[in-house]
């Protein structure tokens, strides 16, 4: 994969986490949410931060896929959390990171599981410390073992 495509995919993953977080918090209808990100976020500068050009169809696939398969994704995640933990206890952003990663592990078998996991660990590092990134790594690794033989 070219470096540019890889960067565009990383940007799409980060944006997908942000979009799904917004949907979770504000209940933004999916068509409006996708449109808003297409028009105003992907590849734009916001408050001095330039959002890298994201691979838009890939972004759409993750956001739509997580939305459509949320129950299946949440079941796969919940099964891999330590005893006493529930999805409700997780930080809302971290939950979206895990949902996006799980979606790719389940639905995007064209992408190697190691690549999916390391990409979402990087996304986790954009928002959190190493502790949460390690947590994301452990959960996604466990999900990968369960959904991909």
N, C-alpha and C. Protein backbone atom coordinates (compact mmCIF):
# COMPACT_ATOMS: atom_id res chain seq x y z
N UNK A 1 0.85 -1.18 0.00
CA UNK A 1 0.00 0.00 0.00
C UNK A 1 0.89 1.24 0.00
N UNK A 2 0.55 2.20 -0.81
CA UNK A 2 1.36 3.42 -0.88
C UNK A 2 1.27 4.16 0.45
N UNK A 3 2.30 4.94 0.72
CA UNK A 3 2.33 5.70 1.96
C UNK A 3 1.19 6.71 2.03
N UNK A 4 0.88 7.31 0.87
CA UNK A 4 -0.20 8.30 0.82
C UNK A 4 -1.54 7.63 1.15
N UNK A 5 -1.75 6.44 0.59
CA UNK A 5 -3.00 5.73 0.85
C UNK A 5 -3.07 5.33 2.32
N UNK A 6 -1.94 4.89 2.85
CA UNK A 6 -1.89 4.49 4.24
C UNK A 6 -2.21 5.68 5.16
N UNK A 7 -1.67 6.86 4.84
CA UNK A 7 -1.96 8.07 5.61
C UNK A 7 -3.43 8.45 5.49
N UNK A 8 -3.98 8.31 4.29
CA UNK A 8 -5.40 8.63 4.06
C UNK A 8 -6.30 7.69 4.85
N UNK A 9 -5.88 6.43 4.96
CA UNK A 9 -6.66 5.47 5.76
C UNK A 9 -6.56 5.78 7.24
N UNK A 10 -5.38 6.15 7.70
CA UNK A 10 -5.21 6.51 9.12
C UNK A 10 -6.09 7.70 9.46
N UNK A 11 -6.11 8.69 8.56
CA UNK A 11 -6.95 9.87 8.76
C UNK A 11 -8.43 9.49 8.78
N UNK A 12 -8.82 8.55 7.92
CA UNK A 12 -10.21 8.08 7.87
C UNK A 12 -10.60 7.40 9.18
N UNK A 13 -9.68 6.62 9.73
CA UNK A 13 -9.96 5.92 10.99
C UNK A 13 -10.16 6.91 12.14
N UNK A 14 -9.27 7.89 12.21
CA UNK A 14 -9.37 8.90 13.27
C UNK A 14 -10.69 9.67 13.14
N UNK A 15 -11.03 10.06 11.91
CA UNK A 15 -12.27 10.80 11.67
C UNK A 15 -13.49 9.94 11.98
N UNK A 16 -13.42 8.64 11.68
CA UNK A 16 -14.55 7.74 11.95
C UNK A 16 -14.82 7.66 13.45
N UNK A 17 -13.75 7.59 14.24
CA UNK A 17 -13.90 7.57 15.70
C UNK A 17 -14.58 8.85 16.16
N UNK A 18 -14.15 9.99 15.61
CA UNK A 18 -14.74 11.28 16.00
C UNK A 18 -16.20 11.36 15.58
N UNK A 19 -16.51 10.89 14.39
CA UNK A 19 -17.89 10.94 13.89
C UNK A 19 -18.80 10.06 14.73
N UNK A 20 -18.34 8.87 15.06
CA UNK A 20 -19.18 7.95 15.85
C UNK A 20 -19.34 8.45 17.29
N UNK A 21 -18.31 9.12 17.80
CA UNK A 21 -18.42 9.74 19.12
C UNK A 21 -19.52 10.80 19.09
N UNK A 22 -19.49 11.63 18.05
CA UNK A 22 -20.50 12.69 17.91
C UNK A 22 -21.90 12.08 17.79
N UNK A 23 -22.02 11.01 17.00
CA UNK A 23 -23.33 10.35 16.84
C UNK A 23 -23.82 9.82 18.19
N UNK A 24 -22.92 9.23 18.94
CA UNK A 24 -23.26 8.68 20.25
C UNK A 24 -23.71 9.78 21.22
N UNK A 25 -23.00 10.90 21.21
CA UNK A 25 -23.26 11.96 22.18
C UNK A 25 -24.46 12.83 21.78
N UNK A 26 -24.60 13.09 20.48
CA UNK A 26 -25.62 14.05 20.03
C UNK A 26 -26.75 13.40 19.24
N UNK A 27 -26.59 12.14 18.89
CA UNK A 27 -27.63 11.46 18.12
C UNK A 27 -27.80 11.99 16.71
N UNK A 28 -26.74 12.58 16.16
CA UNK A 28 -26.80 13.13 14.80
C UNK A 28 -27.21 12.02 13.81
N UNK A 29 -28.26 12.25 13.00
CA UNK A 29 -28.65 11.24 12.02
C UNK A 29 -27.48 10.93 11.07
N UNK A 30 -27.34 9.65 10.72
CA UNK A 30 -26.19 9.19 9.94
C UNK A 30 -25.97 9.98 8.63
N UNK A 31 -27.00 10.19 7.80
CA UNK A 31 -26.75 10.93 6.55
C UNK A 31 -26.20 12.34 6.81
N UNK A 32 -26.73 13.01 7.83
CA UNK A 32 -26.27 14.35 8.15
C UNK A 32 -24.84 14.33 8.68
N UNK A 33 -24.55 13.33 9.51
CA UNK A 33 -23.22 13.18 10.08
C UNK A 33 -22.18 12.98 8.98
N UNK A 34 -22.45 12.06 8.06
CA UNK A 34 -21.51 11.79 6.97
C UNK A 34 -21.32 13.04 6.13
N UNK A 35 -22.42 13.71 5.83
CA UNK A 35 -22.36 14.92 5.01
C UNK A 35 -21.51 15.99 5.69
N UNK A 36 -21.73 16.16 7.00
CA UNK A 36 -20.99 17.17 7.76
C UNK A 36 -19.48 16.89 7.70
N UNK A 37 -19.12 15.63 7.88
CA UNK A 37 -17.69 15.28 7.82
C UNK A 37 -17.14 15.46 6.40
N UNK A 38 -17.92 15.07 5.40
CA UNK A 38 -17.46 15.24 4.01
C UNK A 38 -17.23 16.72 3.70
N UNK A 39 -18.17 17.56 4.12
CA UNK A 39 -18.14 18.98 3.78
C UNK A 39 -17.11 19.75 4.60
N UNK A 40 -17.02 19.44 5.89
CA UNK A 40 -16.32 20.35 6.79
C UNK A 40 -15.10 19.81 7.51
N UNK A 41 -14.93 18.50 7.57
CA UNK A 41 -13.85 17.98 8.41
C UNK A 41 -12.73 17.31 7.63
N UNK A 42 -13.10 16.41 6.73
CA UNK A 42 -12.08 15.60 6.07
C UNK A 42 -11.21 16.47 5.17
N UNK A 43 -9.91 16.50 5.47
CA UNK A 43 -8.98 17.26 4.66
C UNK A 43 -9.09 18.77 4.82
N UNK A 44 -9.73 19.21 5.91
CA UNK A 44 -9.88 20.65 6.15
C UNK A 44 -9.02 21.08 7.33
N UNK A 45 -8.89 22.38 7.47
CA UNK A 45 -8.19 22.91 8.65
C UNK A 45 -9.25 23.39 9.64
N UNK A 46 -9.14 22.92 10.87
CA UNK A 46 -10.08 23.33 11.91
C UNK A 46 -9.25 23.83 13.09
N UNK A 47 -9.47 25.08 13.47
CA UNK A 47 -8.75 25.69 14.59
C UNK A 47 -7.25 25.42 14.50
N UNK A 48 -6.70 25.60 13.30
CA UNK A 48 -5.26 25.46 13.14
C UNK A 48 -4.76 24.05 12.92
N UNK A 49 -5.61 23.06 13.18
CA UNK A 49 -5.21 21.67 12.93
C UNK A 49 -5.64 21.29 11.53
N UNK A 50 -4.70 20.82 10.74
CA UNK A 50 -5.09 20.36 9.41
C UNK A 50 -5.42 18.88 9.50
N UNK A 51 -6.61 18.54 9.05
CA UNK A 51 -7.00 17.14 8.99
C UNK A 51 -6.46 16.59 7.69
N UNK A 52 -5.67 15.54 7.76
CA UNK A 52 -5.11 14.96 6.54
C UNK A 52 -6.25 14.52 5.63
N UNK A 53 -5.99 14.51 4.34
CA UNK A 53 -6.99 14.01 3.40
C UNK A 53 -7.29 12.56 3.74
N UNK A 54 -8.53 12.31 4.06
CA UNK A 54 -8.93 10.96 4.43
C UNK A 54 -9.49 10.24 3.21
N UNK A 55 -9.35 8.94 3.23
CA UNK A 55 -9.96 8.11 2.18
C UNK A 55 -11.45 8.03 2.49
N UNK A 56 -12.23 8.84 1.77
CA UNK A 56 -13.64 9.03 2.11
C UNK A 56 -14.47 7.75 2.04
N UNK A 57 -14.37 6.92 0.98
CA UNK A 57 -15.17 5.69 0.98
C UNK A 57 -14.84 4.77 2.16
N UNK A 58 -13.57 4.77 2.57
CA UNK A 58 -13.15 3.96 3.71
C UNK A 58 -13.76 4.51 5.00
N UNK A 59 -13.72 5.84 5.16
CA UNK A 59 -14.36 6.51 6.30
C UNK A 59 -15.84 6.13 6.36
N UNK A 60 -16.52 6.26 5.21
CA UNK A 60 -17.96 5.95 5.15
C UNK A 60 -18.23 4.51 5.53
N UNK A 61 -17.38 3.61 5.04
CA UNK A 61 -17.57 2.18 5.32
C UNK A 61 -17.47 1.91 6.82
N UNK A 62 -16.48 2.50 7.48
CA UNK A 62 -16.32 2.27 8.92
C UNK A 62 -17.52 2.84 9.68
N UNK A 63 -17.88 4.09 9.39
CA UNK A 63 -18.97 4.73 10.14
C UNK A 63 -20.29 3.98 9.92
N UNK A 64 -20.60 3.70 8.65
CA UNK A 64 -21.85 2.97 8.35
C UNK A 64 -21.81 1.55 8.92
N UNK A 65 -20.66 0.91 8.81
CA UNK A 65 -20.52 -0.47 9.28
C UNK A 65 -20.68 -0.59 10.78
N UNK A 66 -20.03 0.31 11.52
CA UNK A 66 -20.16 0.29 12.99
C UNK A 66 -21.61 0.56 13.37
N UNK A 67 -22.22 1.51 12.67
CA UNK A 67 -23.61 1.86 12.97
C UNK A 67 -24.55 0.67 12.71
N UNK A 68 -24.35 0.01 11.58
CA UNK A 68 -25.25 -1.08 11.19
C UNK A 68 -25.05 -2.35 12.02
N UNK A 69 -23.81 -2.58 12.45
CA UNK A 69 -23.49 -3.86 13.12
C UNK A 69 -23.15 -3.65 14.59
N UNK A 70 -23.66 -2.58 15.15
CA UNK A 70 -23.26 -2.19 16.51
C UNK A 70 -23.53 -3.28 17.55
N UNK A 71 -24.68 -3.93 17.45
CA UNK A 71 -25.00 -4.97 18.42
C UNK A 71 -23.99 -6.11 18.38
N UNK A 72 -23.70 -6.57 17.16
CA UNK A 72 -22.73 -7.65 16.96
C UNK A 72 -21.34 -7.23 17.46
N UNK A 73 -20.96 -6.00 17.15
CA UNK A 73 -19.66 -5.46 17.55
C UNK A 73 -19.59 -5.37 19.08
N UNK A 74 -20.64 -4.83 19.70
CA UNK A 74 -20.63 -4.67 21.15
C UNK A 74 -20.60 -6.02 21.87
N UNK A 75 -21.26 -7.02 21.29
CA UNK A 75 -21.21 -8.37 21.89
C UNK A 75 -19.80 -8.92 21.82
N UNK A 76 -19.14 -8.75 20.67
CA UNK A 76 -17.77 -9.25 20.51
C UNK A 76 -16.83 -8.55 21.50
N UNK A 77 -17.03 -7.25 21.70
CA UNK A 77 -16.21 -6.48 22.63
C UNK A 77 -16.48 -6.88 24.08
N UNK A 78 -17.76 -6.92 24.43
CA UNK A 78 -18.13 -7.22 25.82
C UNK A 78 -17.57 -8.57 26.25
N UNK A 79 -17.53 -9.52 25.32
CA UNK A 79 -17.02 -10.86 25.63
C UNK A 79 -15.54 -10.85 25.97
N UNK A 80 -14.83 -9.80 25.55
CA UNK A 80 -13.38 -9.75 25.76
C UNK A 80 -12.95 -8.78 26.86
N UNK A 81 -13.90 -8.12 27.50
CA UNK A 81 -13.54 -7.23 28.60
C UNK A 81 -13.31 -8.05 29.87
N UNK A 82 -12.44 -7.55 30.73
CA UNK A 82 -12.16 -8.24 31.98
C UNK A 82 -13.44 -8.32 32.82
N UNK A 83 -13.49 -9.32 33.67
CA UNK A 83 -14.66 -9.50 34.54
C UNK A 83 -14.91 -8.22 35.34
N UNK A 84 -16.17 -7.85 35.46
CA UNK A 84 -16.50 -6.64 36.20
C UNK A 84 -16.52 -5.39 35.33
N UNK A 85 -16.07 -5.53 34.10
CA UNK A 85 -16.08 -4.39 33.19
C UNK A 85 -17.25 -4.51 32.24
N UNK A 86 -17.81 -3.37 31.87
CA UNK A 86 -18.86 -3.37 30.86
C UNK A 86 -18.55 -2.25 29.89
N UNK A 87 -19.18 -2.28 28.74
CA UNK A 87 -18.96 -1.23 27.75
C UNK A 87 -19.34 0.14 28.31
N UNK A 88 -20.35 0.15 29.18
CA UNK A 88 -20.80 1.43 29.77
C UNK A 88 -19.72 2.08 30.62
N UNK A 89 -18.84 1.27 31.19
CA UNK A 89 -17.79 1.81 32.06
C UNK A 89 -16.64 2.43 31.27
N UNK A 90 -16.55 2.11 29.99
CA UNK A 90 -15.43 2.60 29.18
C UNK A 90 -15.60 4.07 28.84
N UNK A 91 -14.49 4.75 28.72
CA UNK A 91 -14.50 6.12 28.20
C UNK A 91 -15.20 6.10 26.83
N UNK A 92 -16.03 7.11 26.57
CA UNK A 92 -16.85 7.14 25.35
C UNK A 92 -16.00 7.17 24.07
N UNK A 93 -14.88 7.85 24.12
CA UNK A 93 -14.01 7.89 22.94
C UNK A 93 -13.32 6.54 22.75
N UNK A 94 -12.83 5.97 23.85
CA UNK A 94 -12.17 4.68 23.78
C UNK A 94 -13.12 3.61 23.24
N UNK A 95 -14.38 3.69 23.65
CA UNK A 95 -15.38 2.75 23.15
C UNK A 95 -15.50 2.84 21.62
N UNK A 96 -15.47 4.04 21.08
CA UNK A 96 -15.57 4.19 19.62
C UNK A 96 -14.32 3.65 18.92
N UNK A 97 -13.17 3.85 19.54
CA UNK A 97 -11.92 3.29 18.99
C UNK A 97 -12.06 1.77 18.89
N UNK A 98 -12.55 1.16 19.98
CA UNK A 98 -12.70 -0.30 20.01
C UNK A 98 -13.77 -0.78 19.03
N UNK A 99 -14.85 -0.03 18.91
CA UNK A 99 -15.91 -0.41 17.95
C UNK A 99 -15.40 -0.38 16.52
N UNK A 100 -14.68 0.68 16.18
CA UNK A 100 -14.15 0.80 14.81
C UNK A 100 -13.16 -0.34 14.52
N UNK A 101 -12.27 -0.59 15.47
CA UNK A 101 -11.30 -1.67 15.29
C UNK A 101 -11.98 -3.02 15.15
N UNK A 102 -12.99 -3.25 15.98
CA UNK A 102 -13.72 -4.52 15.92
C UNK A 102 -14.46 -4.66 14.59
N UNK A 103 -15.06 -3.56 14.13
CA UNK A 103 -15.73 -3.60 12.82
C UNK A 103 -14.75 -4.05 11.74
N UNK A 104 -13.57 -3.44 11.71
CA UNK A 104 -12.60 -3.82 10.68
C UNK A 104 -12.17 -5.27 10.82
N UNK A 105 -11.99 -5.73 12.06
CA UNK A 105 -11.59 -7.13 12.26
C UNK A 105 -12.67 -8.09 11.77
N UNK A 106 -13.93 -7.72 11.98
CA UNK A 106 -15.03 -8.59 11.57
C UNK A 106 -15.29 -8.49 10.06
N UNK A 107 -15.36 -7.27 9.55
CA UNK A 107 -15.90 -7.05 8.21
C UNK A 107 -14.85 -6.81 7.13
N UNK A 108 -13.67 -6.36 7.51
CA UNK A 108 -12.66 -6.00 6.51
C UNK A 108 -11.51 -7.00 6.53
N UNK A 109 -11.81 -8.24 6.14
CA UNK A 109 -10.78 -9.29 6.17
C UNK A 109 -9.69 -9.03 5.13
N UNK A 110 -9.93 -8.02 4.25
CA UNK A 110 -8.90 -7.63 3.29
C UNK A 110 -7.74 -6.89 3.97
N UNK A 111 -7.95 -6.47 5.21
CA UNK A 111 -6.92 -5.73 5.94
C UNK A 111 -6.35 -6.65 7.02
N UNK A 112 -5.02 -6.87 7.00
CA UNK A 112 -4.42 -7.78 7.99
C UNK A 112 -4.73 -7.36 9.42
N UNK A 113 -4.99 -8.36 10.28
CA UNK A 113 -5.39 -8.02 11.65
C UNK A 113 -4.32 -7.23 12.39
N UNK A 114 -3.05 -7.51 12.13
CA UNK A 114 -1.99 -6.75 12.79
C UNK A 114 -2.03 -5.28 12.42
N UNK A 115 -2.36 -5.00 11.17
CA UNK A 115 -2.45 -3.61 10.70
C UNK A 115 -3.63 -2.91 11.37
N UNK A 116 -4.76 -3.61 11.46
CA UNK A 116 -5.95 -3.02 12.10
C UNK A 116 -5.62 -2.67 13.55
N UNK A 117 -5.05 -3.63 14.27
CA UNK A 117 -4.76 -3.41 15.69
C UNK A 117 -3.78 -2.26 15.87
N UNK A 118 -2.68 -2.24 15.11
CA UNK A 118 -1.70 -1.18 15.34
C UNK A 118 -2.25 0.19 14.94
N UNK A 119 -3.09 0.22 13.91
CA UNK A 119 -3.71 1.49 13.51
C UNK A 119 -4.59 2.05 14.63
N UNK A 120 -5.41 1.19 15.24
CA UNK A 120 -6.31 1.69 16.30
C UNK A 120 -5.58 1.94 17.61
N UNK A 121 -4.46 1.28 17.84
CA UNK A 121 -3.63 1.63 18.99
C UNK A 121 -3.08 3.05 18.77
N UNK A 122 -2.69 3.36 17.53
CA UNK A 122 -2.24 4.72 17.21
C UNK A 122 -3.36 5.74 17.39
N UNK A 123 -4.58 5.38 16.98
CA UNK A 123 -5.72 6.29 17.18
C UNK A 123 -5.92 6.51 18.68
N UNK A 124 -5.84 5.44 19.47
CA UNK A 124 -5.99 5.57 20.92
C UNK A 124 -4.93 6.52 21.49
N UNK A 125 -3.70 6.42 20.96
CA UNK A 125 -2.62 7.29 21.45
C UNK A 125 -2.87 8.76 21.10
N UNK A 126 -3.67 9.02 20.08
CA UNK A 126 -3.99 10.41 19.73
C UNK A 126 -4.87 11.06 20.81
N UNK A 127 -5.61 10.22 21.56
CA UNK A 127 -6.53 10.73 22.59
C UNK A 127 -6.08 10.46 24.02
N UNK A 128 -5.28 9.41 24.20
CA UNK A 128 -5.02 8.91 25.55
C UNK A 128 -3.54 8.66 25.81
N UNK A 129 -3.26 8.24 27.05
CA UNK A 129 -1.92 7.81 27.45
C UNK A 129 -1.69 6.37 27.03
N UNK A 130 -0.49 5.91 27.34
CA UNK A 130 -0.11 4.53 26.99
C UNK A 130 -1.02 3.49 27.62
N UNK A 131 -1.51 3.77 28.81
CA UNK A 131 -2.33 2.78 29.52
C UNK A 131 -3.56 2.40 28.69
N UNK A 132 -4.27 3.42 28.17
CA UNK A 132 -5.46 3.16 27.36
C UNK A 132 -5.08 2.53 26.03
N UNK A 133 -3.95 2.96 25.47
CA UNK A 133 -3.49 2.38 24.20
C UNK A 133 -3.20 0.89 24.39
N UNK A 134 -2.57 0.54 25.51
CA UNK A 134 -2.28 -0.87 25.80
C UNK A 134 -3.59 -1.65 26.01
N UNK A 135 -4.53 -1.01 26.68
CA UNK A 135 -5.84 -1.63 26.89
C UNK A 135 -6.50 -1.92 25.54
N UNK A 136 -6.51 -0.92 24.65
CA UNK A 136 -7.09 -1.09 23.31
C UNK A 136 -6.40 -2.24 22.57
N UNK A 137 -5.06 -2.27 22.69
CA UNK A 137 -4.29 -3.33 22.04
C UNK A 137 -4.73 -4.71 22.54
N UNK A 138 -4.86 -4.85 23.87
CA UNK A 138 -5.23 -6.14 24.45
C UNK A 138 -6.63 -6.58 24.04
N UNK A 139 -7.58 -5.65 24.09
CA UNK A 139 -8.97 -5.99 23.74
C UNK A 139 -9.07 -6.34 22.25
N UNK A 140 -8.47 -5.52 21.39
CA UNK A 140 -8.57 -5.79 19.94
C UNK A 140 -7.84 -7.08 19.57
N UNK A 141 -6.73 -7.37 20.26
CA UNK A 141 -6.01 -8.61 20.01
C UNK A 141 -6.90 -9.81 20.36
N UNK A 142 -7.60 -9.71 21.50
CA UNK A 142 -8.49 -10.79 21.93
C UNK A 142 -9.66 -10.95 20.95
N UNK A 143 -10.21 -9.82 20.49
CA UNK A 143 -11.31 -9.86 19.51
C UNK A 143 -10.81 -10.51 18.22
N UNK A 144 -9.61 -10.12 17.78
CA UNK A 144 -9.04 -10.68 16.55
C UNK A 144 -8.93 -12.19 16.62
N UNK A 145 -8.47 -12.68 17.76
CA UNK A 145 -8.33 -14.14 17.93
C UNK A 145 -9.69 -14.83 17.84
N UNK A 146 -10.73 -14.15 18.31
CA UNK A 146 -12.07 -14.73 18.32
C UNK A 146 -12.73 -14.68 16.94
N UNK A 147 -12.52 -13.60 16.20
CA UNK A 147 -13.27 -13.44 14.95
C UNK A 147 -12.48 -13.82 13.70
N UNK A 148 -11.17 -13.94 13.83
CA UNK A 148 -10.34 -14.37 12.70
C UNK A 148 -9.47 -15.53 13.15
N UNK A 149 -9.62 -16.66 12.49
CA UNK A 149 -8.82 -17.80 12.94
C UNK A 149 -7.45 -17.76 12.30
